[in-house]
Protein backbone atom coordinates (compact mmCIF):
# COMPACT_ATOMS: atom_id res chain seq x y z
CA MET A 1 104.68 -35.33 -1.40
CA ALA A 2 104.79 -31.63 -2.16
CA VAL A 3 108.59 -31.63 -1.97
CA ALA A 4 108.77 -34.54 -4.43
CA GLU A 5 106.49 -32.73 -6.87
CA LEU A 6 108.63 -29.60 -6.66
CA LEU A 7 111.79 -31.61 -7.34
CA ILE A 8 110.22 -33.29 -10.35
CA GLY A 9 109.06 -29.90 -11.72
CA PHE A 10 112.56 -28.44 -11.26
CA VAL A 11 114.13 -31.32 -13.15
CA ILE A 12 111.63 -30.93 -16.03
CA ILE A 13 112.19 -27.17 -16.28
CA SER A 14 115.97 -27.64 -16.22
CA GLY A 15 115.71 -30.16 -19.04
CA LEU A 16 113.57 -27.83 -21.11
CA ASN A 17 116.02 -24.97 -20.65
CA GLU A 18 118.90 -27.16 -21.77
CA HIS A 19 116.90 -28.31 -24.80
CA VAL A 20 116.01 -24.74 -25.78
CA ALA A 21 119.63 -23.64 -25.34
CA ALA A 22 120.76 -26.48 -27.59
CA LEU A 23 118.27 -25.48 -30.26
CA THR A 24 119.14 -21.76 -30.21
CA GLN A 25 122.92 -22.17 -29.92
CA PRO A 26 123.53 -22.35 -33.70
CA TYR A 27 121.53 -19.16 -34.27
CA GLN A 28 123.39 -17.38 -31.48
CA ASN A 29 126.74 -18.48 -32.87
CA TYR A 30 125.67 -17.37 -36.37
CA SER A 31 124.49 -13.94 -35.16
CA SER A 32 127.62 -13.42 -33.08
CA GLY A 33 129.89 -14.39 -35.93
CA ARG A 34 127.90 -12.22 -38.34
CA MET A 35 128.23 -9.15 -36.10
CA ASN A 36 131.95 -9.78 -35.70
CA SER A 37 132.41 -10.14 -39.45
CA MET A 38 130.55 -6.88 -40.11
CA ALA A 39 133.12 -5.14 -37.95
CA ASN A 40 135.94 -6.64 -40.00
CA THR A 41 135.57 -5.98 -43.76
CA GLN A 42 138.39 -8.44 -44.53
CA SER A 43 136.51 -11.38 -43.00
CA THR A 44 135.21 -14.25 -45.10
CA PRO A 45 131.52 -15.12 -45.52
CA LEU A 46 130.05 -17.35 -42.85
CA SER A 47 128.40 -19.50 -45.49
CA SER A 48 129.10 -20.50 -49.09
CA ILE A 49 125.76 -18.99 -50.10
CA GLU A 50 126.69 -15.51 -48.84
CA LYS A 51 128.85 -12.70 -50.22
CA TRP A 52 130.21 -9.48 -48.77
CA CYS A 53 128.62 -6.25 -50.09
CA ASN A 54 131.29 -3.53 -50.33
CA ALA A 55 128.74 -0.73 -50.33
CA GLY A 56 126.48 -1.83 -47.48
CA HIS A 57 129.29 -3.46 -45.44
CA HIS A 58 127.31 -6.60 -44.72
CA PHE A 59 126.90 -10.17 -45.87
CA VAL A 60 124.03 -10.91 -48.25
CA LEU A 61 122.86 -14.04 -49.99
CA ARG A 62 124.65 -14.49 -53.31
CA THR A 63 121.32 -14.58 -55.14
CA TYR A 64 120.95 -10.85 -54.32
CA PHE A 65 123.95 -9.95 -56.50
CA SER A 66 123.83 -9.30 -60.24
CA ARG A 67 126.22 -11.16 -62.51
CA ASP A 68 129.51 -9.62 -63.63
CA ALA A 69 131.69 -11.75 -65.92
CA SER A 70 134.74 -9.55 -65.29
CA ARG A 71 134.85 -10.53 -61.56
CA SER A 72 136.57 -13.65 -60.34
CA ASP A 73 133.42 -14.92 -58.63
CA GLY A 74 131.15 -13.78 -61.48
CA LEU A 75 129.17 -11.36 -59.28
CA GLN A 76 129.16 -7.61 -58.75
CA ILE A 77 130.76 -6.10 -55.65
CA ARG A 78 127.45 -4.49 -54.55
CA CYS A 79 124.16 -6.21 -53.84
CA LYS A 80 121.21 -5.28 -56.01
CA GLU A 81 119.73 -2.89 -53.44
CA CYS A 82 123.01 -1.01 -52.95
CA GLN A 83 123.67 -1.05 -56.70
CA ALA A 84 120.28 0.58 -57.39
CA LYS A 85 120.99 3.22 -54.76
CA TYR A 86 124.45 3.86 -56.23
CA GLN A 87 123.06 4.22 -59.76
CA TYR A 88 120.40 6.67 -58.56
CA GLU A 89 122.94 8.82 -56.69
CA HIS A 90 125.51 8.79 -59.55
CA SER A 91 123.20 8.67 -62.58
CA ALA A 92 124.79 11.67 -64.36
CA GLU A 93 128.31 10.31 -63.87
CA ILE A 94 127.30 6.83 -65.10
CA LYS A 95 125.61 8.25 -68.21
CA ALA A 96 128.70 10.33 -69.02
CA ARG A 97 130.99 7.30 -68.68
CA SER A 98 128.67 5.16 -70.80
CA LYS A 99 128.51 7.80 -73.52
CA GLN A 100 132.29 8.18 -73.55
CA TRP A 101 132.75 4.40 -73.75
CA ARG A 102 130.31 4.15 -76.68
CA GLU A 103 132.16 6.92 -78.52
CA GLU A 104 135.49 5.17 -78.01
CA ASN A 105 134.22 1.70 -78.96
CA LYS A 106 131.91 2.30 -81.94
CA GLU A 107 133.47 -0.42 -84.08
CA LYS A 108 133.37 -2.92 -81.24
CA ILE A 109 129.67 -2.21 -80.63
CA LYS A 110 128.89 -2.41 -84.36
CA THR A 111 130.67 -5.76 -84.69
CA SER A 112 128.93 -7.16 -81.62
CA ARG A 113 125.48 -6.06 -82.81
CA HIS A 114 126.14 -7.44 -86.28
CA ALA A 115 127.11 -10.83 -84.86
CA GLN A 116 124.10 -10.84 -82.53
CA TYR A 117 121.78 -9.96 -85.42
CA TRP A 118 122.90 -12.89 -87.59
CA LEU A 119 122.42 -15.39 -84.78
CA ASP A 120 118.65 -14.99 -85.33
CA PRO A 121 117.74 -12.30 -87.92
CA GLU A 122 113.97 -12.75 -87.59
CA LEU A 123 114.05 -12.42 -83.81
CA SER A 124 116.34 -9.38 -84.04
CA ARG A 125 114.02 -7.65 -86.53
CA ALA A 126 110.98 -8.43 -84.38
CA LYS A 127 112.67 -6.95 -81.29
CA ARG A 128 113.70 -3.85 -83.27
CA ARG A 129 110.15 -3.33 -84.56
CA GLU A 130 108.76 -3.71 -81.05
CA SER A 131 111.31 -1.26 -79.65
CA HIS A 132 110.58 1.30 -82.39
CA HIS A 133 106.85 0.96 -81.77
CA LYS A 134 107.24 1.54 -78.02
CA ASN A 135 109.65 4.47 -78.48
CA ALA A 136 108.31 5.98 -81.71
CA ASP A 137 108.64 9.60 -80.57
CA ARG A 138 112.24 9.17 -79.38
CA VAL A 139 113.23 7.29 -82.55
CA ASN A 140 111.69 9.97 -84.79
CA GLN A 141 113.42 12.75 -82.86
CA LYS A 142 116.76 10.94 -83.15
CA ARG A 143 116.33 10.47 -86.91
CA LYS A 144 115.33 14.10 -87.36
CA ALA A 145 118.39 15.23 -85.38
CA ALA A 146 120.66 13.03 -87.55
CA TYR A 147 119.08 14.44 -90.71
CA ASP A 148 119.36 18.07 -89.55
CA ALA A 149 123.02 17.54 -88.60
CA ASP A 150 124.04 16.34 -92.08
CA PRO A 151 121.15 16.15 -94.60
CA GLU A 152 123.27 15.20 -97.62
CA THR A 153 125.00 12.27 -95.89
CA TYR A 154 121.67 11.05 -94.54
CA ARG A 155 120.07 11.20 -98.01
CA GLU A 156 123.05 9.41 -99.58
CA GLN A 157 122.78 6.59 -97.05
CA LYS A 158 119.06 6.29 -97.83
CA ARG A 159 119.77 6.21 -101.58
CA VAL A 160 122.39 3.47 -101.19
CA TRP A 161 120.06 1.36 -99.05
CA TYR A 162 117.17 1.97 -101.45
CA GLN A 163 119.19 0.76 -104.44
CA ALA A 164 120.33 -2.32 -102.53
CA ASN A 165 116.71 -3.14 -101.54
CA LEU A 166 114.84 -1.85 -104.59
CA GLU A 167 112.11 -4.49 -104.84
CA LYS A 168 111.50 -4.45 -101.10
CA MET A 169 111.08 -0.65 -101.07
CA LYS A 170 108.77 -0.73 -104.08
CA SER A 171 106.59 -3.29 -102.33
CA ILE A 172 106.51 -1.17 -99.15
CA ASN A 173 105.65 1.98 -101.11
CA ARG A 174 102.88 0.20 -103.01
CA ARG A 175 101.28 -1.07 -99.81
CA ALA A 176 101.53 2.40 -98.26
CA TYR A 177 99.93 3.94 -101.36
CA GLU A 178 97.04 1.46 -101.30
CA ARG A 179 96.46 2.14 -97.61
CA LYS A 180 96.63 5.94 -97.74
CA ARG A 181 95.77 7.03 -101.29
CA ASP A 182 92.21 8.20 -100.43
CA LYS A 183 93.29 10.29 -97.43
CA PRO A 184 93.41 14.08 -98.09
CA ALA A 185 96.55 14.47 -95.97
CA TYR A 186 98.36 11.85 -98.06
CA LYS A 187 97.33 13.52 -101.33
CA GLU A 188 98.60 16.83 -100.01
CA ALA A 189 101.89 15.17 -98.98
CA LEU A 190 102.29 13.73 -102.50
CA ARG A 191 101.80 17.17 -104.05
CA ARG A 192 104.24 18.74 -101.61
CA ASN A 193 106.87 16.05 -102.23
CA GLY A 194 106.39 16.47 -105.98
CA LYS A 195 107.19 20.17 -105.69
CA ILE A 196 110.24 19.40 -103.57
CA TYR A 197 111.44 16.82 -106.12
CA TYR A 198 111.04 19.36 -108.93
CA GLN A 199 113.05 21.95 -106.98
CA ARG A 200 115.88 19.44 -106.33
CA HIS A 201 115.90 17.77 -109.77
CA PRO A 202 114.50 20.23 -112.34
CA GLU A 203 116.71 18.81 -115.07
CA LYS A 204 115.17 15.32 -114.72
CA VAL A 205 111.61 16.66 -114.80
CA LYS A 206 112.35 18.86 -117.83
CA ALA A 207 114.05 15.98 -119.65
CA LYS A 208 111.03 13.72 -119.17
CA SER A 209 108.64 16.47 -120.26
CA HIS A 210 110.81 17.15 -123.32
CA ARG A 211 110.75 13.48 -124.33
CA ARG A 212 106.97 13.42 -124.07
CA ARG A 213 106.53 16.63 -126.09
CA SER A 214 109.07 15.61 -128.72
CA ALA A 215 107.42 12.22 -129.39
CA LYS A 216 105.56 11.88 -132.66
CA GLY A 217 101.79 11.91 -132.90
CA MET A 218 98.81 13.27 -131.00
CA PHE A 219 95.22 12.31 -130.22
CA THR A 220 91.97 14.18 -129.68
CA SER A 221 89.55 14.02 -126.77
CA SER A 222 86.96 12.17 -128.88
CA GLN A 223 89.57 9.55 -129.77
CA TRP A 224 90.43 9.20 -126.10
CA LEU A 225 86.78 8.69 -125.10
CA ALA A 226 86.35 6.16 -127.90
CA LYS A 227 89.39 4.26 -126.65
CA CYS A 228 87.94 4.17 -123.11
CA GLU A 229 84.66 2.84 -124.54
CA TYR A 230 86.58 0.18 -126.47
CA PHE A 231 88.16 -1.13 -123.22
CA GLY A 232 84.80 -0.98 -121.41
CA TRP A 233 85.98 1.80 -119.07
CA ARG A 234 88.40 -0.57 -117.34
CA CYS A 235 92.15 -0.44 -116.82
CA TYR A 236 93.70 -2.41 -119.65
CA LEU A 237 96.30 -3.85 -117.23
CA CYS A 238 94.42 -4.75 -114.02
CA PHE A 239 90.79 -4.35 -115.20
CA THR A 240 89.86 -1.89 -112.44
CA PRO A 241 86.65 0.03 -113.29
CA LEU A 242 87.39 3.60 -114.44
CA THR A 243 85.57 6.91 -114.73
CA ILE A 244 86.36 10.03 -116.70
CA GLN A 245 88.15 11.35 -113.58
CA THR A 246 90.17 8.20 -112.75
CA ALA A 247 91.15 7.11 -116.27
CA SER A 248 94.62 8.17 -117.39
CA PRO A 249 96.21 7.68 -120.86
CA ASP A 250 99.11 5.23 -120.76
CA HIS A 251 101.64 4.62 -123.53
CA ARG A 252 101.56 0.89 -124.28
CA LYS A 253 105.08 1.24 -125.64
CA ALA A 254 107.02 3.73 -123.53
CA ILE A 255 108.22 6.90 -125.26
CA ILE A 256 111.74 6.25 -124.02
CA SER A 257 111.58 2.92 -125.86
CA GLY A 258 110.46 4.51 -129.12
CA GLY A 259 106.71 4.80 -128.53
CA SER A 260 104.56 7.58 -129.94
CA ASN A 261 101.62 9.75 -128.92
CA TRP A 262 99.33 8.31 -131.60
CA ILE A 263 96.04 6.93 -130.29
CA ALA A 264 97.05 3.41 -131.40
CA ASN A 265 99.76 3.48 -128.69
CA ILE A 266 97.40 4.87 -126.03
CA ALA A 267 95.24 2.81 -123.65
CA PRO A 268 93.23 3.73 -120.54
CA ALA A 269 94.88 2.75 -117.24
CA CYS A 270 94.23 3.41 -113.58
CA ARG A 271 96.59 5.91 -112.00
CA TYR A 272 98.32 3.22 -109.97
CA CYS A 273 99.21 1.04 -112.99
CA ASN A 274 100.17 4.11 -115.03
CA ALA A 275 102.66 5.12 -112.34
CA ALA A 276 103.85 1.58 -111.50
CA LYS A 277 104.40 0.52 -115.12
CA ARG A 278 106.76 3.44 -115.74
CA ASP A 279 109.07 2.47 -118.64
CA LEU A 280 108.29 -1.25 -118.57
CA SER A 281 106.79 -2.99 -121.55
CA GLU A 282 103.23 -4.24 -121.32
CA SER A 283 104.35 -7.90 -121.16
CA ASP A 284 106.95 -7.21 -118.45
CA TYR A 285 104.40 -5.41 -116.30
CA ARG A 286 101.89 -8.25 -116.67
CA GLN A 287 104.58 -10.68 -115.54
CA ARG A 288 105.06 -8.56 -112.42
CA ILE A 289 101.31 -8.73 -111.83
CA HIS A 290 101.24 -12.52 -112.04
CA ALA A 291 104.35 -12.76 -109.84
CA GLY A 292 102.56 -10.76 -107.14
CA LEU A 293 105.03 -7.87 -107.30
CA THR A 294 102.29 -5.30 -107.83
CA ARG A 295 98.66 -4.70 -107.01
CA ILE A 296 96.19 -6.64 -109.18
CA THR A 297 92.43 -6.89 -109.56
CA LEU A 298 91.76 -10.16 -111.32
CA ALA A 299 89.29 -10.11 -114.21
CA GLU A 300 87.15 -12.86 -112.67
CA GLU A 301 86.89 -10.85 -109.44
CA VAL A 302 85.87 -7.72 -111.33
CA THR A 303 83.35 -9.36 -113.63
CA GLY A 304 82.04 -11.66 -110.88
């Protein structure tokens, strides 16, 4: 009986060993073939889902390779791990090559970016705004370096763009003025920029001052106060409440258009409307107000 039990146990164990060997044979074959292929760099991948990494000298799943359209198989020759290591060890060399390529292919880059921009302008502008917001310091330093390198060319480019986008820039400047006009730093910046403008364009400032002085007529302080009382101490264009400090005399018909300095041609205006109206006629400026092209305080909002 004992001998029979031992024979039965031997048969069972032998069967189990054969079954285990059958299960592990594919793995053993795969490991053996993999080790042999690692020793031979010219070997082919053991599976269609693998690719040889030239840097690490081993097979890796194809999903661990970045795409490269210039390669026949559409993948880079190094796996992502080896590629990251290579970029870290040769970062200076890679940056130098990239900079040289950008210098040699400026027109190609410009054309590509232009085409990419017009595929979806709104998305491109949104991405640019987001990038500028995240890298504000670097962007400002780059702009300052470009300005310091060639100030006149930089200013000319700004002038050309400004003239091509005049209404857009006026709208941006108006919103900035409304947001910052009560801040001391902004007032100081306005005074400083005014001095700079006078130093760069003294002939324009003198010509405007000469036109104002050479216009016919004059008015007294009592006439000015009476005029403010007549308009109820409100801006005659946007109806903003005024004080003796905020009221400014505006020529209803611009001097450049033949207006005079007589009190009949003078009306109280807020400083914003006085500056925004410039040489426009009263009717043209009111049309801009109703079109939403300038700041406005509606009469019903003021009186209500």
